[in-house]
Amino acid sequence: MFGCQGCNTEIRFSNGIKTIHHDGDVGYRLENVGDLNGDKIDDIAYCRDWLMGCRRVFEIYVIENTEWIEVLGMEFLTCGDERGLKCCIKMLDKGRVKLEGEETDGIPMFRIVELK
């Protein structure tokens, strides 16, 4: 079985917000991506790294009470893109975002999500 045993991520917050747990991550990027859903609270993006290759799992979380809720989870490609996670998120209008990854075999990778 291929995988990373013991490669776990725990993101803790100092203000009483519940911890985010991920199993099987080799590394990750975590970024404040601003207020995506219009509730006047900044949201976060989390991108899991694999052992090799360019495929990543990208997730967007919004806060609800004291808990982070995953509103988007998607595999996509980001080979060597160091501009950060915000460059992959395009606001369409209030509460709707488009997540864009690199093309695969000439096919663009994207997903449009309603965050409200």
C-alpha atoms as a PDB file:
ATOM      1  CA  MET A   1       0.000   0.000   0.000  1.00  0.00           C
ATOM      2  CA  PHE A   2       1.360   3.403  -0.984  1.00  0.00           C
ATOM      3  CA  GLY A   3       0.967   6.189   1.512  1.00  0.00           C
ATOM      4  CA  CYS A   4       2.560   8.105   4.292  1.00  0.00           C
ATOM      5  CA  GLN A   5       1.964   6.603   7.704  1.00  0.00           C
ATOM      6  CA  GLY A   6       2.270   9.142  10.478  1.00  0.00           C
ATOM      7  CA  CYS A   7       2.135  12.123   8.094  1.00  0.00           C
ATOM      8  CA  ASN A   8      -0.599  14.048   9.835  1.00  0.00           C
ATOM      9  CA  THR A   9      -1.382  17.746   9.954  1.00  0.00           C
ATOM     10  CA  GLU A  10      -3.117  19.509  12.823  1.00  0.00           C
ATOM     11  CA  ILE A  11      -3.935  23.204  12.487  1.00  0.00           C
ATOM     12  CA  ARG A  12      -4.751  24.823  15.821  1.00  0.00           C
ATOM     13  CA  PHE A  13      -6.229  28.238  16.492  1.00  0.00           C
ATOM     14  CA  SER A  14      -5.685  30.341  19.613  1.00  0.00           C
ATOM     15  CA  ASN A  15      -9.187  31.846  19.727  1.00  0.00           C
ATOM     16  CA  GLY A  16     -11.346  28.802  20.526  1.00  0.00           C
ATOM     17  CA  ILE A  17     -11.984  27.767  16.908  1.00  0.00           C
ATOM     18  CA  LYS A  18     -11.871  23.995  16.492  1.00  0.00           C
ATOM     19  CA  THR A  19      -8.731  22.313  15.160  1.00  0.00           C
ATOM     20  CA  ILE A  20      -8.507  21.088  11.546  1.00  0.00           C
ATOM     21  CA  HIS A  21      -7.058  17.553  11.174  1.00  0.00           C
ATOM     22  CA  HIS A  22      -5.682  15.951   8.013  1.00  0.00           C
ATOM     23  CA  ASP A  23      -4.156  12.491   7.673  1.00  0.00           C
ATOM     24  CA  GLY A  24      -1.661  11.455   5.021  1.00  0.00           C
ATOM     25  CA  ASP A  25      -0.243  14.884   4.184  1.00  0.00           C
ATOM     26  CA  VAL A  26       3.440  15.119   3.309  1.00  0.00           C
ATOM     27  CA  GLY A  27       3.310  18.917   3.379  1.00  0.00           C
ATOM     28  CA  TYR A  28       0.788  21.672   2.840  1.00  0.00           C
ATOM     29  CA  ARG A  29       0.123  25.315   2.150  1.00  0.00           C
ATOM     30  CA  LEU A  30      -2.345  27.293   4.226  1.00  0.00           C
ATOM     31  CA  GLU A  31      -3.456  30.806   3.265  1.00  0.00           C
ATOM     32  CA  ASN A  32      -5.940  33.443   4.293  1.00  0.00           C
ATOM     33  CA  VAL A  33      -7.921  34.011   1.087  1.00  0.00           C
ATOM     34  CA  GLY A  34     -10.134  36.834   2.334  1.00  0.00           C
ATOM     35  CA  ASP A  35     -13.900  36.893   2.705  1.00  0.00           C
ATOM     36  CA  LEU A  36     -15.221  34.649  -0.084  1.00  0.00           C
ATOM     37  CA  ASN A  37     -18.802  34.161   1.114  1.00  0.00           C
ATOM     38  CA  GLY A  38     -19.684  37.697   2.218  1.00  0.00           C
ATOM     39  CA  ASP A  39     -19.989  37.033   5.965  1.00  0.00           C
ATOM     40  CA  LYS A  40     -17.243  39.593   6.821  1.00  0.00           C
ATOM     41  CA  ILE A  41     -14.953  36.811   8.143  1.00  0.00           C
ATOM     42  CA  ASP A  42     -11.854  35.757   6.230  1.00  0.00           C
ATOM     43  CA  ASP A  43     -11.797  32.230   4.855  1.00  0.00           C
ATOM     44  CA  ILE A  44      -8.834  29.894   4.418  1.00  0.00           C
ATOM     45  CA  ALA A  45      -7.475  27.694   1.649  1.00  0.00           C
ATOM     46  CA  TYR A  46      -5.522  24.525   2.325  1.00  0.00           C
ATOM     47  CA  CYS A  47      -3.529  22.658  -0.297  1.00  0.00           C
ATOM     48  CA  ARG A  48      -2.172  19.165   0.473  1.00  0.00           C
ATOM     49  CA  ASP A  49       1.123  18.049  -1.017  1.00  0.00           C
ATOM     50  CA  TRP A  50       1.830  14.534  -2.294  1.00  0.00           C
ATOM     51  CA  LEU A  51       5.084  12.628  -2.134  1.00  0.00           C
ATOM     52  CA  MET A  52       5.795  13.365  -5.813  1.00  0.00           C
ATOM     53  CA  GLY A  53       4.201  14.947  -8.849  1.00  0.00           C
ATOM     54  CA  CYS A  54       2.086  18.025  -9.393  1.00  0.00           C
ATOM     55  CA  ARG A  55      -1.360  16.796  -8.367  1.00  0.00           C
ATOM     56  CA  ARG A  56      -2.677  18.504  -5.235  1.00  0.00           C
ATOM     57  CA  VAL A  57      -5.852  18.460  -3.164  1.00  0.00           C
ATOM     58  CA  PHE A  58      -7.189  21.990  -2.715  1.00  0.00           C
ATOM     59  CA  GLU A  59      -9.744  22.790  -0.019  1.00  0.00           C
ATOM     60  CA  ILE A  60     -11.559  25.972   0.987  1.00  0.00           C
ATOM     61  CA  TYR A  61     -12.910  26.396   4.503  1.00  0.00           C
ATOM     62  CA  VAL A  62     -15.396  28.942   5.842  1.00  0.00           C
ATOM     63  CA  ILE A  63     -16.086  29.530   9.515  1.00  0.00           C
ATOM     64  CA  GLU A  64     -19.459  28.643  10.998  1.00  0.00           C
ATOM     65  CA  ASN A  65     -19.807  29.402  14.716  1.00  0.00           C
ATOM     66  CA  THR A  66     -16.474  28.060  16.054  1.00  0.00           C
ATOM     67  CA  GLU A  67     -15.879  25.392  13.418  1.00  0.00           C
ATOM     68  CA  TRP A  68     -14.217  25.415   9.987  1.00  0.00           C
ATOM     69  CA  ILE A  69     -16.526  23.880   7.360  1.00  0.00           C
ATOM     70  CA  GLU A  70     -15.020  22.523   4.139  1.00  0.00           C
ATOM     71  CA  VAL A  71     -17.009  24.003   1.242  1.00  0.00           C
ATOM     72  CA  LEU A  72     -14.727  22.837  -1.549  1.00  0.00           C
ATOM     73  CA  GLY A  73     -12.405  19.884  -1.999  1.00  0.00           C
ATOM     74  CA  MET A  74     -10.876  19.238  -5.400  1.00  0.00           C
ATOM     75  CA  GLU A  75      -7.831  17.574  -6.954  1.00  0.00           C
ATOM     76  CA  PHE A  76      -5.951  19.718  -9.446  1.00  0.00           C
ATOM     77  CA  LEU A  77      -2.487  20.435 -10.841  1.00  0.00           C
ATOM     78  CA  THR A  78      -0.146  23.175  -9.602  1.00  0.00           C
ATOM     79  CA  CYS A  79       3.366  22.366 -10.805  1.00  0.00           C
ATOM     80  CA  GLY A  80       5.851  24.832  -9.399  1.00  0.00           C
ATOM     81  CA  ASP A  81       3.353  27.688  -8.968  1.00  0.00           C
ATOM     82  CA  GLU A  82       4.713  29.749  -6.097  1.00  0.00           C
ATOM     83  CA  ARG A  83       2.259  32.659  -6.441  1.00  0.00           C
ATOM     84  CA  GLY A  84       0.187  31.236  -3.627  1.00  0.00           C
ATOM     85  CA  LEU A  85      -3.278  29.742  -3.394  1.00  0.00           C
ATOM     86  CA  LYS A  86      -5.148  33.013  -3.976  1.00  0.00           C
ATOM     87  CA  CYS A  87      -4.089  33.010  -7.625  1.00  0.00           C
ATOM     88  CA  CYS A  88      -6.200  29.864  -8.155  1.00  0.00           C
ATOM     89  CA  ILE A  89      -9.383  31.474  -6.754  1.00  0.00           C
ATOM     90  CA  LYS A  90     -11.435  33.823  -8.931  1.00  0.00           C
ATOM     91  CA  MET A  91     -14.417  35.662  -7.440  1.00  0.00           C
ATOM     92  CA  LEU A  92     -17.368  35.496  -9.822  1.00  0.00           C
ATOM     93  CA  ASP A  93     -19.837  37.361  -7.633  1.00  0.00           C
ATOM     94  CA  LYS A  94     -20.698  37.431  -3.919  1.00  0.00           C
ATOM     95  CA  GLY A  95     -20.675  33.863  -2.663  1.00  0.00           C
ATOM     96  CA  ARG A  96     -19.552  32.216  -5.929  1.00  0.00           C
ATOM     97  CA  VAL A  97     -15.947  31.366  -6.707  1.00  0.00           C
ATOM     98  CA  LYS A  98     -14.104  29.578  -9.473  1.00  0.00           C
ATOM     99  CA  LEU A  99     -11.113  27.422  -8.577  1.00  0.00           C
ATOM    100  CA  GLU A 100      -8.665  27.059 -11.464  1.00  0.00           C
ATOM    101  CA  GLY A 101      -5.768  24.619 -11.789  1.00  0.00           C
ATOM    102  CA  GLU A 102      -3.418  23.948 -14.670  1.00  0.00           C
ATOM    103  CA  GLU A 103      -4.596  22.252 -17.839  1.00  0.00           C
ATOM    104  CA  THR A 104      -4.359  18.480 -18.198  1.00  0.00           C
ATOM    105  CA  ASP A 105      -4.043  17.172 -21.755  1.00  0.00           C
ATOM    106  CA  GLY A 106      -5.402  20.497 -23.023  1.00  0.00           C
ATOM    107  CA  ILE A 107      -8.447  20.365 -20.748  1.00  0.00           C
ATOM    108  CA  PRO A 108      -8.695  23.206 -18.197  1.00  0.00           C
ATOM    109  CA  MET A 109      -9.247  22.087 -14.618  1.00  0.00           C
ATOM    110  CA  PHE A 110     -11.764  24.260 -12.785  1.00  0.00           C
ATOM    111  CA  ARG A 111     -14.786  24.129 -10.547  1.00  0.00           C
ATOM    112  CA  ILE A 112     -17.387  26.782  -9.746  1.00  0.00           C
ATOM    113  CA  VAL A 113     -18.733  26.688  -6.207  1.00  0.00           C
ATOM    114  CA  GLU A 114     -21.570  28.466  -4.407  1.00  0.00           C
ATOM    115  CA  LEU A 115     -20.287  29.281  -0.911  1.00  0.00           C
ATOM    116  CA  LYS A 116     -23.502  30.463   0.728  1.00  0.00           C
END
